[in-house]
Amino acid sequence: MTTPTKREPRWATVAEAAAYSRLSKRTIWRYIADERLTGYRFGRRLLQVDLNDIDNLRQPRQPTTAGNPDARAS
């Protein structure tokens, strides 16, 4: 049995993570505050995130039948 390999971290500042994910810096900070995303401190002032964690936030959209007249229950 093989164990899953951990990917190497891809460090980015909050601004870089926002540009990468096409989210605002405010949203990245909110995700860190809500613990949806982990912020890593390097020294007293520098906070970075792992872009792999941003990739893991993305989830495929589930199809919905709301508002679709062809998907009526019989």
PDB file of N, CA and C in Angstrom:
ATOM      1  N   MET A   1       0.843  -1.166   0.000  1.00  0.00           N
ATOM      2  CA  MET A   1       0.000   0.000   0.000  1.00  0.00           C
ATOM      3  C   MET A   1       0.898   1.242   0.000  1.00  0.00           C
ATOM      4  N   THR A   2       0.610   2.176  -0.864  1.00  0.00           N
ATOM      5  CA  THR A   2       1.417   3.380  -0.930  1.00  0.00           C
ATOM      6  C   THR A   2       0.757   4.492  -0.129  1.00  0.00           C
ATOM      7  N   THR A   3       1.577   5.326   0.451  1.00  0.00           N
ATOM      8  CA  THR A   3       1.053   6.458   1.196  1.00  0.00           C
ATOM      9  C   THR A   3       1.016   7.671   0.268  1.00  0.00           C
ATOM     10  N   PRO A   4       0.003   8.528   0.431  1.00  0.00           N
ATOM     11  CA  PRO A   4      -0.054   9.698  -0.434  1.00  0.00           C
ATOM     12  C   PRO A   4       1.132  10.615  -0.165  1.00  0.00           C
ATOM     13  N   THR A   5       1.673  11.174  -1.231  1.00  0.00           N
ATOM     14  CA  THR A   5       2.810  12.061  -1.071  1.00  0.00           C
ATOM     15  C   THR A   5       2.320  13.476  -0.805  1.00  0.00           C
ATOM     16  N   LYS A   6       2.999  14.136   0.096  1.00  0.00           N
ATOM     17  CA  LYS A   6       2.654  15.513   0.414  1.00  0.00           C
ATOM     18  C   LYS A   6       3.374  16.414  -0.579  1.00  0.00           C
ATOM     19  N   ARG A   7       2.617  17.344  -1.131  1.00  0.00           N
ATOM     20  CA  ARG A   7       3.199  18.261  -2.091  1.00  0.00           C
ATOM     21  C   ARG A   7       4.045  19.306  -1.378  1.00  0.00           C
ATOM     22  N   GLU A   8       5.086  19.728  -2.052  1.00  0.00           N
ATOM     23  CA  GLU A   8       5.936  20.790  -1.520  1.00  0.00           C
ATOM     24  C   GLU A   8       5.126  22.075  -1.430  1.00  0.00           C
ATOM     25  N   PRO A   9       5.287  22.846  -0.350  1.00  0.00           N
ATOM     26  CA  PRO A   9       4.536  24.096  -0.234  1.00  0.00           C
ATOM     27  C   PRO A   9       4.966  25.106  -1.293  1.00  0.00           C
ATOM     28  N   ARG A  10       4.022  25.850  -1.774  1.00  0.00           N
ATOM     29  CA  ARG A  10       4.279  26.936  -2.719  1.00  0.00           C
ATOM     30  C   ARG A  10       3.891  28.226  -1.999  1.00  0.00           C
ATOM     31  N   TRP A  11       4.865  28.867  -1.365  1.00  0.00           N
ATOM     32  CA  TRP A  11       4.594  30.024  -0.529  1.00  0.00           C
ATOM     33  C   TRP A  11       4.272  31.251  -1.375  1.00  0.00           C
ATOM     34  N   ALA A  12       3.302  32.035  -0.890  1.00  0.00           N
ATOM     35  CA  ALA A  12       2.917  33.279  -1.551  1.00  0.00           C
ATOM     36  C   ALA A  12       2.421  34.258  -0.505  1.00  0.00           C
ATOM     37  N   THR A  13       2.645  35.537  -0.758  1.00  0.00           N
ATOM     38  CA  THR A  13       2.089  36.559   0.123  1.00  0.00           C
ATOM     39  C   THR A  13       0.584  36.616  -0.086  1.00  0.00           C
ATOM     40  N   VAL A  14      -0.089  37.354   0.767  1.00  0.00           N
ATOM     41  CA  VAL A  14      -1.540  37.489   0.633  1.00  0.00           C
ATOM     42  C   VAL A  14      -1.881  38.127  -0.708  1.00  0.00           C
ATOM     43  N   ALA A  15      -1.125  39.135  -1.109  1.00  0.00           N
ATOM     44  CA  ALA A  15      -1.376  39.799  -2.397  1.00  0.00           C
ATOM     45  C   ALA A  15      -1.163  38.829  -3.565  1.00  0.00           C
ATOM     46  N   GLU A  16      -0.098  38.032  -3.506  1.00  0.00           N
ATOM     47  CA  GLU A  16       0.168  37.053  -4.564  1.00  0.00           C
ATOM     48  C   GLU A  16      -0.904  35.969  -4.599  1.00  0.00           C
ATOM     49  N   ALA A  17      -1.343  35.531  -3.424  1.00  0.00           N
ATOM     50  CA  ALA A  17      -2.396  34.517  -3.354  1.00  0.00           C
ATOM     51  C   ALA A  17      -3.707  35.061  -3.913  1.00  0.00           C
ATOM     52  N   ALA A  18      -3.992  36.319  -3.644  1.00  0.00           N
ATOM     53  CA  ALA A  18      -5.207  36.941  -4.171  1.00  0.00           C
ATOM     54  C   ALA A  18      -5.157  36.999  -5.694  1.00  0.00           C
ATOM     55  N   ALA A  19      -4.026  37.402  -6.243  1.00  0.00           N
ATOM     56  CA  ALA A  19      -3.881  37.459  -7.696  1.00  0.00           C
ATOM     57  C   ALA A  19      -3.974  36.060  -8.310  1.00  0.00           C
ATOM     58  N   TYR A  20      -3.354  35.084  -7.685  1.00  0.00           N
ATOM     59  CA  TYR A  20      -3.365  33.707  -8.176  1.00  0.00           C
ATOM     60  C   TYR A  20      -4.783  33.136  -8.212  1.00  0.00           C
ATOM     61  N   SER A  21      -5.547  33.402  -7.153  1.00  0.00           N
ATOM     62  CA  SER A  21      -6.876  32.803  -7.023  1.00  0.00           C
ATOM     63  C   SER A  21      -7.979  33.668  -7.612  1.00  0.00           C
ATOM     64  N   ARG A  22      -7.613  34.894  -8.044  1.00  0.00           N
ATOM     65  CA  ARG A  22      -8.593  35.855  -8.563  1.00  0.00           C
ATOM     66  C   ARG A  22      -9.632  36.231  -7.504  1.00  0.00           C
ATOM     67  N   LEU A  23      -9.166  36.263  -6.255  1.00  0.00           N
ATOM     68  CA  LEU A  23      -9.970  36.746  -5.139  1.00  0.00           C
ATOM     69  C   LEU A  23      -9.340  38.037  -4.641  1.00  0.00           C
ATOM     70  N   SER A  24     -10.067  38.764  -3.836  1.00  0.00           N
ATOM     71  CA  SER A  24      -9.499  39.984  -3.273  1.00  0.00           C
ATOM     72  C   SER A  24      -8.605  39.642  -2.081  1.00  0.00           C
ATOM     73  N   LYS A  25      -7.710  40.577  -1.753  1.00  0.00           N
ATOM     74  CA  LYS A  25      -6.872  40.388  -0.565  1.00  0.00           C
ATOM     75  C   LYS A  25      -7.755  40.290   0.670  1.00  0.00           C
ATOM     76  N   ARG A  26      -8.827  41.054   0.693  1.00  0.00           N
ATOM     77  CA  ARG A  26      -9.750  41.021   1.832  1.00  0.00           C
ATOM     78  C   ARG A  26     -10.359  39.624   2.005  1.00  0.00           C
ATOM     79  N   THR A  27     -10.704  38.980   0.902  1.00  0.00           N
ATOM     80  CA  THR A  27     -11.265  37.626   0.975  1.00  0.00           C
ATOM     81  C   THR A  27     -10.224  36.640   1.500  1.00  0.00           C
ATOM     82  N   ILE A  28      -8.983  36.773   1.064  1.00  0.00           N
ATOM     83  CA  ILE A  28      -7.920  35.894   1.574  1.00  0.00           C
ATOM     84  C   ILE A  28      -7.766  36.087   3.079  1.00  0.00           C
ATOM     85  N   TRP A  29      -7.742  37.351   3.529  1.00  0.00           N
ATOM     86  CA  TRP A  29      -7.647  37.620   4.976  1.00  0.00           C
ATOM     87  C   TRP A  29      -8.855  37.041   5.720  1.00  0.00           C
ATOM     88  N   ARG A  30     -10.042  37.142   5.132  1.00  0.00           N
ATOM     89  CA  ARG A  30     -11.251  36.605   5.766  1.00  0.00           C
ATOM     90  C   ARG A  30     -11.169  35.082   5.863  1.00  0.00           C
ATOM     91  N   TYR A  31     -10.672  34.430   4.817  1.00  0.00           N
ATOM     92  CA  TYR A  31     -10.512  32.974   4.849  1.00  0.00           C
ATOM     93  C   TYR A  31      -9.530  32.564   5.945  1.00  0.00           C
ATOM     94  N   ILE A  32      -8.472  33.345   6.133  1.00  0.00           N
ATOM     95  CA  ILE A  32      -7.515  33.049   7.204  1.00  0.00           C
ATOM     96  C   ILE A  32      -8.193  33.235   8.560  1.00  0.00           C
ATOM     97  N   ALA A  33      -8.949  34.322   8.721  1.00  0.00           N
ATOM     98  CA  ALA A  33      -9.636  34.580   9.996  1.00  0.00           C
ATOM     99  C   ALA A  33     -10.677  33.504  10.291  1.00  0.00           C
ATOM    100  N   ASP A  34     -11.357  33.007   9.255  1.00  0.00           N
ATOM    101  CA  ASP A  34     -12.380  31.971   9.423  1.00  0.00           C
ATOM    102  C   ASP A  34     -11.785  30.565   9.486  1.00  0.00           C
ATOM    103  N   GLU A  35     -10.458  30.470   9.372  1.00  0.00           N
ATOM    104  CA  GLU A  35      -9.724  29.205   9.397  1.00  0.00           C
ATOM    105  C   GLU A  35     -10.074  28.288   8.237  1.00  0.00           C
ATOM    106  N   ARG A  36     -10.518  28.872   7.135  1.00  0.00           N
ATOM    107  CA  ARG A  36     -10.700  28.104   5.903  1.00  0.00           C
ATOM    108  C   ARG A  36      -9.375  27.979   5.168  1.00  0.00           C
ATOM    109  N   LEU A  37      -8.444  28.865   5.526  1.00  0.00           N
ATOM    110  CA  LEU A  37      -7.121  28.904   4.927  1.00  0.00           C
ATOM    111  C   LEU A  37      -6.126  29.158   6.053  1.00  0.00           C
ATOM    112  N   THR A  38      -4.982  28.492   6.002  1.00  0.00           N
ATOM    113  CA  THR A  38      -3.976  28.656   7.056  1.00  0.00           C
ATOM    114  C   THR A  38      -2.952  29.697   6.629  1.00  0.00           C
ATOM    115  N   GLY A  39      -2.705  30.658   7.500  1.00  0.00           N
ATOM    116  CA  GLY A  39      -1.654  31.640   7.281  1.00  0.00           C
ATOM    117  C   GLY A  39      -0.429  31.240   8.083  1.00  0.00           C
ATOM    118  N   TYR A  40       0.735  31.358   7.473  1.00  0.00           N
ATOM    119  CA  TYR A  40       1.989  30.966   8.116  1.00  0.00           C
ATOM    120  C   TYR A  40       2.836  32.211   8.313  1.00  0.00           C
ATOM    121  N   ARG A  41       3.250  32.445   9.554  1.00  0.00           N
ATOM    122  CA  ARG A  41       4.078  33.610   9.879  1.00  0.00           C
ATOM    123  C   ARG A  41       5.547  33.277   9.645  1.00  0.00           C
ATOM    124  N   PHE A  42       6.219  34.191   8.989  1.00  0.00           N
ATOM    125  CA  PHE A  42       7.662  34.129   8.804  1.00  0.00           C
ATOM    126  C   PHE A  42       8.202  35.423   9.396  1.00  0.00           C
ATOM    127  N   GLY A  43       8.666  35.355  10.629  1.00  0.00           N
ATOM    128  CA  GLY A  43       9.088  36.565  11.321  1.00  0.00           C
ATOM    129  C   GLY A  43       7.886  37.252  11.952  1.00  0.00           C
ATOM    130  N   ARG A  44       8.054  38.521  12.274  1.00  0.00           N
ATOM    131  CA  ARG A  44       6.993  39.255  12.970  1.00  0.00           C
ATOM    132  C   ARG A  44       5.926  39.781  12.025  1.00  0.00           C
ATOM    133  N   ARG A  45       6.316  40.147  10.813  1.00  0.00           N
ATOM    134  CA  ARG A  45       5.372  40.840   9.939  1.00  0.00           C
ATOM    135  C   ARG A  45       4.918  40.036   8.731  1.00  0.00           C
ATOM    136  N   LEU A  46       5.747  39.161   8.227  1.00  0.00           N
ATOM    137  CA  LEU A  46       5.447  38.471   6.978  1.00  0.00           C
ATOM    138  C   LEU A  46       4.511  37.289   7.215  1.00  0.00           C
ATOM    139  N   LEU A  47       3.374  37.305   6.538  1.00  0.00           N
ATOM    140  CA  LEU A  47       2.432  36.196   6.595  1.00  0.00           C
ATOM    141  C   LEU A  47       2.260  35.679   5.185  1.00  0.00           C
ATOM    142  N   GLN A  48       2.388  34.379   5.026  1.00  0.00           N
ATOM    143  CA  GLN A  48       2.235  33.776   3.709  1.00  0.00           C
ATOM    144  C   GLN A  48       1.248  32.623   3.782  1.00  0.00           C
ATOM    145  N   VAL A  49       0.749  32.258   2.624  1.00  0.00           N
ATOM    146  CA  VAL A  49      -0.149  31.112   2.505  1.00  0.00           C
ATOM    147  C   VAL A  49       0.453  30.141   1.499  1.00  0.00           C
ATOM    148  N   ASP A  50       0.021  28.916   1.583  1.00  0.00           N
ATOM    149  CA  ASP A  50       0.456  27.886   0.648  1.00  0.00           C
ATOM    150  C   ASP A  50      -0.555  27.840  -0.494  1.00  0.00           C
ATOM    151  N   LEU A  51      -0.089  28.026  -1.718  1.00  0.00           N
ATOM    152  CA  LEU A  51      -0.995  28.011  -2.867  1.00  0.00           C
ATOM    153  C   LEU A  51      -1.671  26.650  -3.051  1.00  0.00           C
ATOM    154  N   ASN A  52      -1.049  25.584  -2.538  1.00  0.00           N
ATOM    155  CA  ASN A  52      -1.699  24.269  -2.583  1.00  0.00           C
ATOM    156  C   ASN A  52      -2.997  24.303  -1.764  1.00  0.00           C
ATOM    157  N   ASP A  53      -2.997  25.039  -0.642  1.00  0.00           N
ATOM    158  CA  ASP A  53      -4.214  25.169   0.167  1.00  0.00           C
ATOM    159  C   ASP A  53      -5.295  25.924  -0.600  1.00  0.00           C
ATOM    160  N   ILE A  54      -4.901  26.911  -1.390  1.00  0.00           N
ATOM    161  CA  ILE A  54      -5.873  27.647  -2.203  1.00  0.00           C
ATOM    162  C   ILE A  54      -6.475  26.713  -3.244  1.00  0.00           C
ATOM    163  N   ASP A  55      -5.626  25.889  -3.859  1.00  0.00           N
ATOM    164  CA  ASP A  55      -6.128  24.919  -4.837  1.00  0.00           C
ATOM    165  C   ASP A  55      -7.126  23.959  -4.189  1.00  0.00           C
ATOM    166  N   ASN A  56      -6.881  23.587  -2.932  1.00  0.00           N
ATOM    167  CA  ASN A  56      -7.773  22.664  -2.233  1.00  0.00           C
ATOM    168  C   ASN A  56      -9.109  23.296  -1.862  1.00  0.00           C
ATOM    169  N   LEU A  57      -9.165  24.626  -1.822  1.00  0.00           N
ATOM    170  CA  LEU A  57     -10.435  25.298  -1.531  1.00  0.00           C
ATOM    171  C   LEU A  57     -11.432  25.165  -2.677  1.00  0.00           C
ATOM    172  N   ARG A  58     -10.908  25.042  -3.873  1.00  0.00           N
ATOM    173  CA  ARG A  58     -11.771  24.970  -5.050  1.00  0.00           C
ATOM    174  C   ARG A  58     -12.493  23.629  -5.077  1.00  0.00           C
ATOM    175  N   GLN A  59     -13.800  23.711  -5.231  1.00  0.00           N
ATOM    176  CA  GLN A  59     -14.609  22.509  -5.284  1.00  0.00           C
ATOM    177  C   GLN A  59     -15.476  22.572  -6.539  1.00  0.00           C
ATOM    178  N   PRO A  60     -15.687  21.438  -7.186  1.00  0.00           N
ATOM    179  CA  PRO A  60     -16.529  21.461  -8.376  1.00  0.00           C
ATOM    180  C   PRO A  60     -17.964  21.819  -8.020  1.00  0.00           C
ATOM    181  N   ARG A  61     -18.595  22.546  -8.895  1.00  0.00           N
ATOM    182  CA  ARG A  61     -19.974  22.958  -8.682  1.00  0.00           C
ATOM    183  C   ARG A  61     -20.902  21.789  -8.980  1.00  0.00           C
ATOM    184  N   GLN A  62     -21.856  21.563  -8.078  1.00  0.00           N
ATOM    185  CA  GLN A  62     -22.811  20.488  -8.248  1.00  0.00           C
ATOM    186  C   GLN A  62     -23.968  20.984  -9.109  1.00  0.00           C
ATOM    187  N   PRO A  63     -24.418  20.194 -10.072  1.00  0.00           N
ATOM    188  CA  PRO A  63     -25.550  20.630 -10.891  1.00  0.00           C
ATOM    189  C   PRO A  63     -26.811  20.755 -10.044  1.00  0.00           C
ATOM    190  N   THR A  64     -27.618  21.715 -10.375  1.00  0.00           N
ATOM    191  CA  THR A  64     -28.849  21.939  -9.644  1.00  0.00           C
ATOM    192  C   THR A  64     -30.022  21.874 -10.612  1.00  0.00           C
ATOM    193  N   THR A  65     -31.162  21.474 -10.106  1.00  0.00           N
ATOM    194  CA  THR A  65     -32.354  21.412 -10.948  1.00  0.00           C
ATOM    195  C   THR A  65     -33.270  22.601 -10.702  1.00  0.00           C
ATOM    196  N   ALA A  66     -32.900  23.484  -9.790  1.00  0.00           N
ATOM    197  CA  ALA A  66     -33.737  24.646  -9.486  1.00  0.00           C
ATOM    198  C   ALA A  66     -33.841  25.538 -10.704  1.00  0.00           C
ATOM    199  N   GLY A  67     -35.050  25.881 -11.065  1.00  0.00           N
ATOM    200  CA  GLY A  67     -35.278  26.780 -12.185  1.00  0.00           C
ATOM    201  C   GLY A  67     -35.177  26.117 -13.551  1.00  0.00           C
ATOM    202  N   ASN A  68     -35.008  24.802 -13.581  1.00  0.00           N
ATOM    203  CA  ASN A  68     -34.912  24.085 -14.848  1.00  0.00           C
ATOM    204  C   ASN A  68     -36.246  23.403 -15.119  1.00  0.00           C
ATOM    205  N   PRO A  69     -37.041  23.919 -16.078  1.00  0.00           N
ATOM    206  CA  PRO A  69     -38.366  23.344 -16.315  1.00  0.00           C
ATOM    207  C   PRO A  69     -38.314  21.920 -16.841  1.00  0.00           C
ATOM    208  N   ASP A  70     -37.196  21.503 -17.454  1.00  0.00           N
ATOM    209  CA  ASP A  70     -37.086  20.151 -17.987  1.00  0.00           C
ATOM    210  C   ASP A  70     -36.781  19.123 -16.907  1.00  0.00           C
ATOM    211  N   ALA A  71     -36.453  19.553 -15.710  1.00  0.00           N
ATOM    212  CA  ALA A  71     -36.066  18.647 -14.635  1.00  0.00           C
ATOM    213  C   ALA A  71     -37.177  18.479 -13.609  1.00  0.00           C
ATOM    214  N   ARG A  72     -38.401  18.614 -14.046  1.00  0.00           N
ATOM    215  CA  ARG A  72     -39.543  18.467 -13.121  1.00  0.00           C
ATOM    216  C   ARG A  72     -39.692  17.021 -12.685  1.00  0.00           C
ATOM    217  N   ALA A  73     -40.144  16.873 -11.443  1.00  0.00           N
ATOM    218  CA  ALA A  73     -40.399  15.519 -10.935  1.00  0.00           C
ATOM    219  C   ALA A  73     -41.681  14.995 -11.557  1.00  0.00           C
ATOM    220  N   SER A  74     -41.703  13.709 -11.893  1.00  0.00           N
ATOM    221  CA  SER A  74     -42.910  13.154 -12.506  1.00  0.00           C
ATOM    222  C   SER A  74     -43.834  12.546 -11.493  1.00  0.00           C
TER     223      SER A  74
END
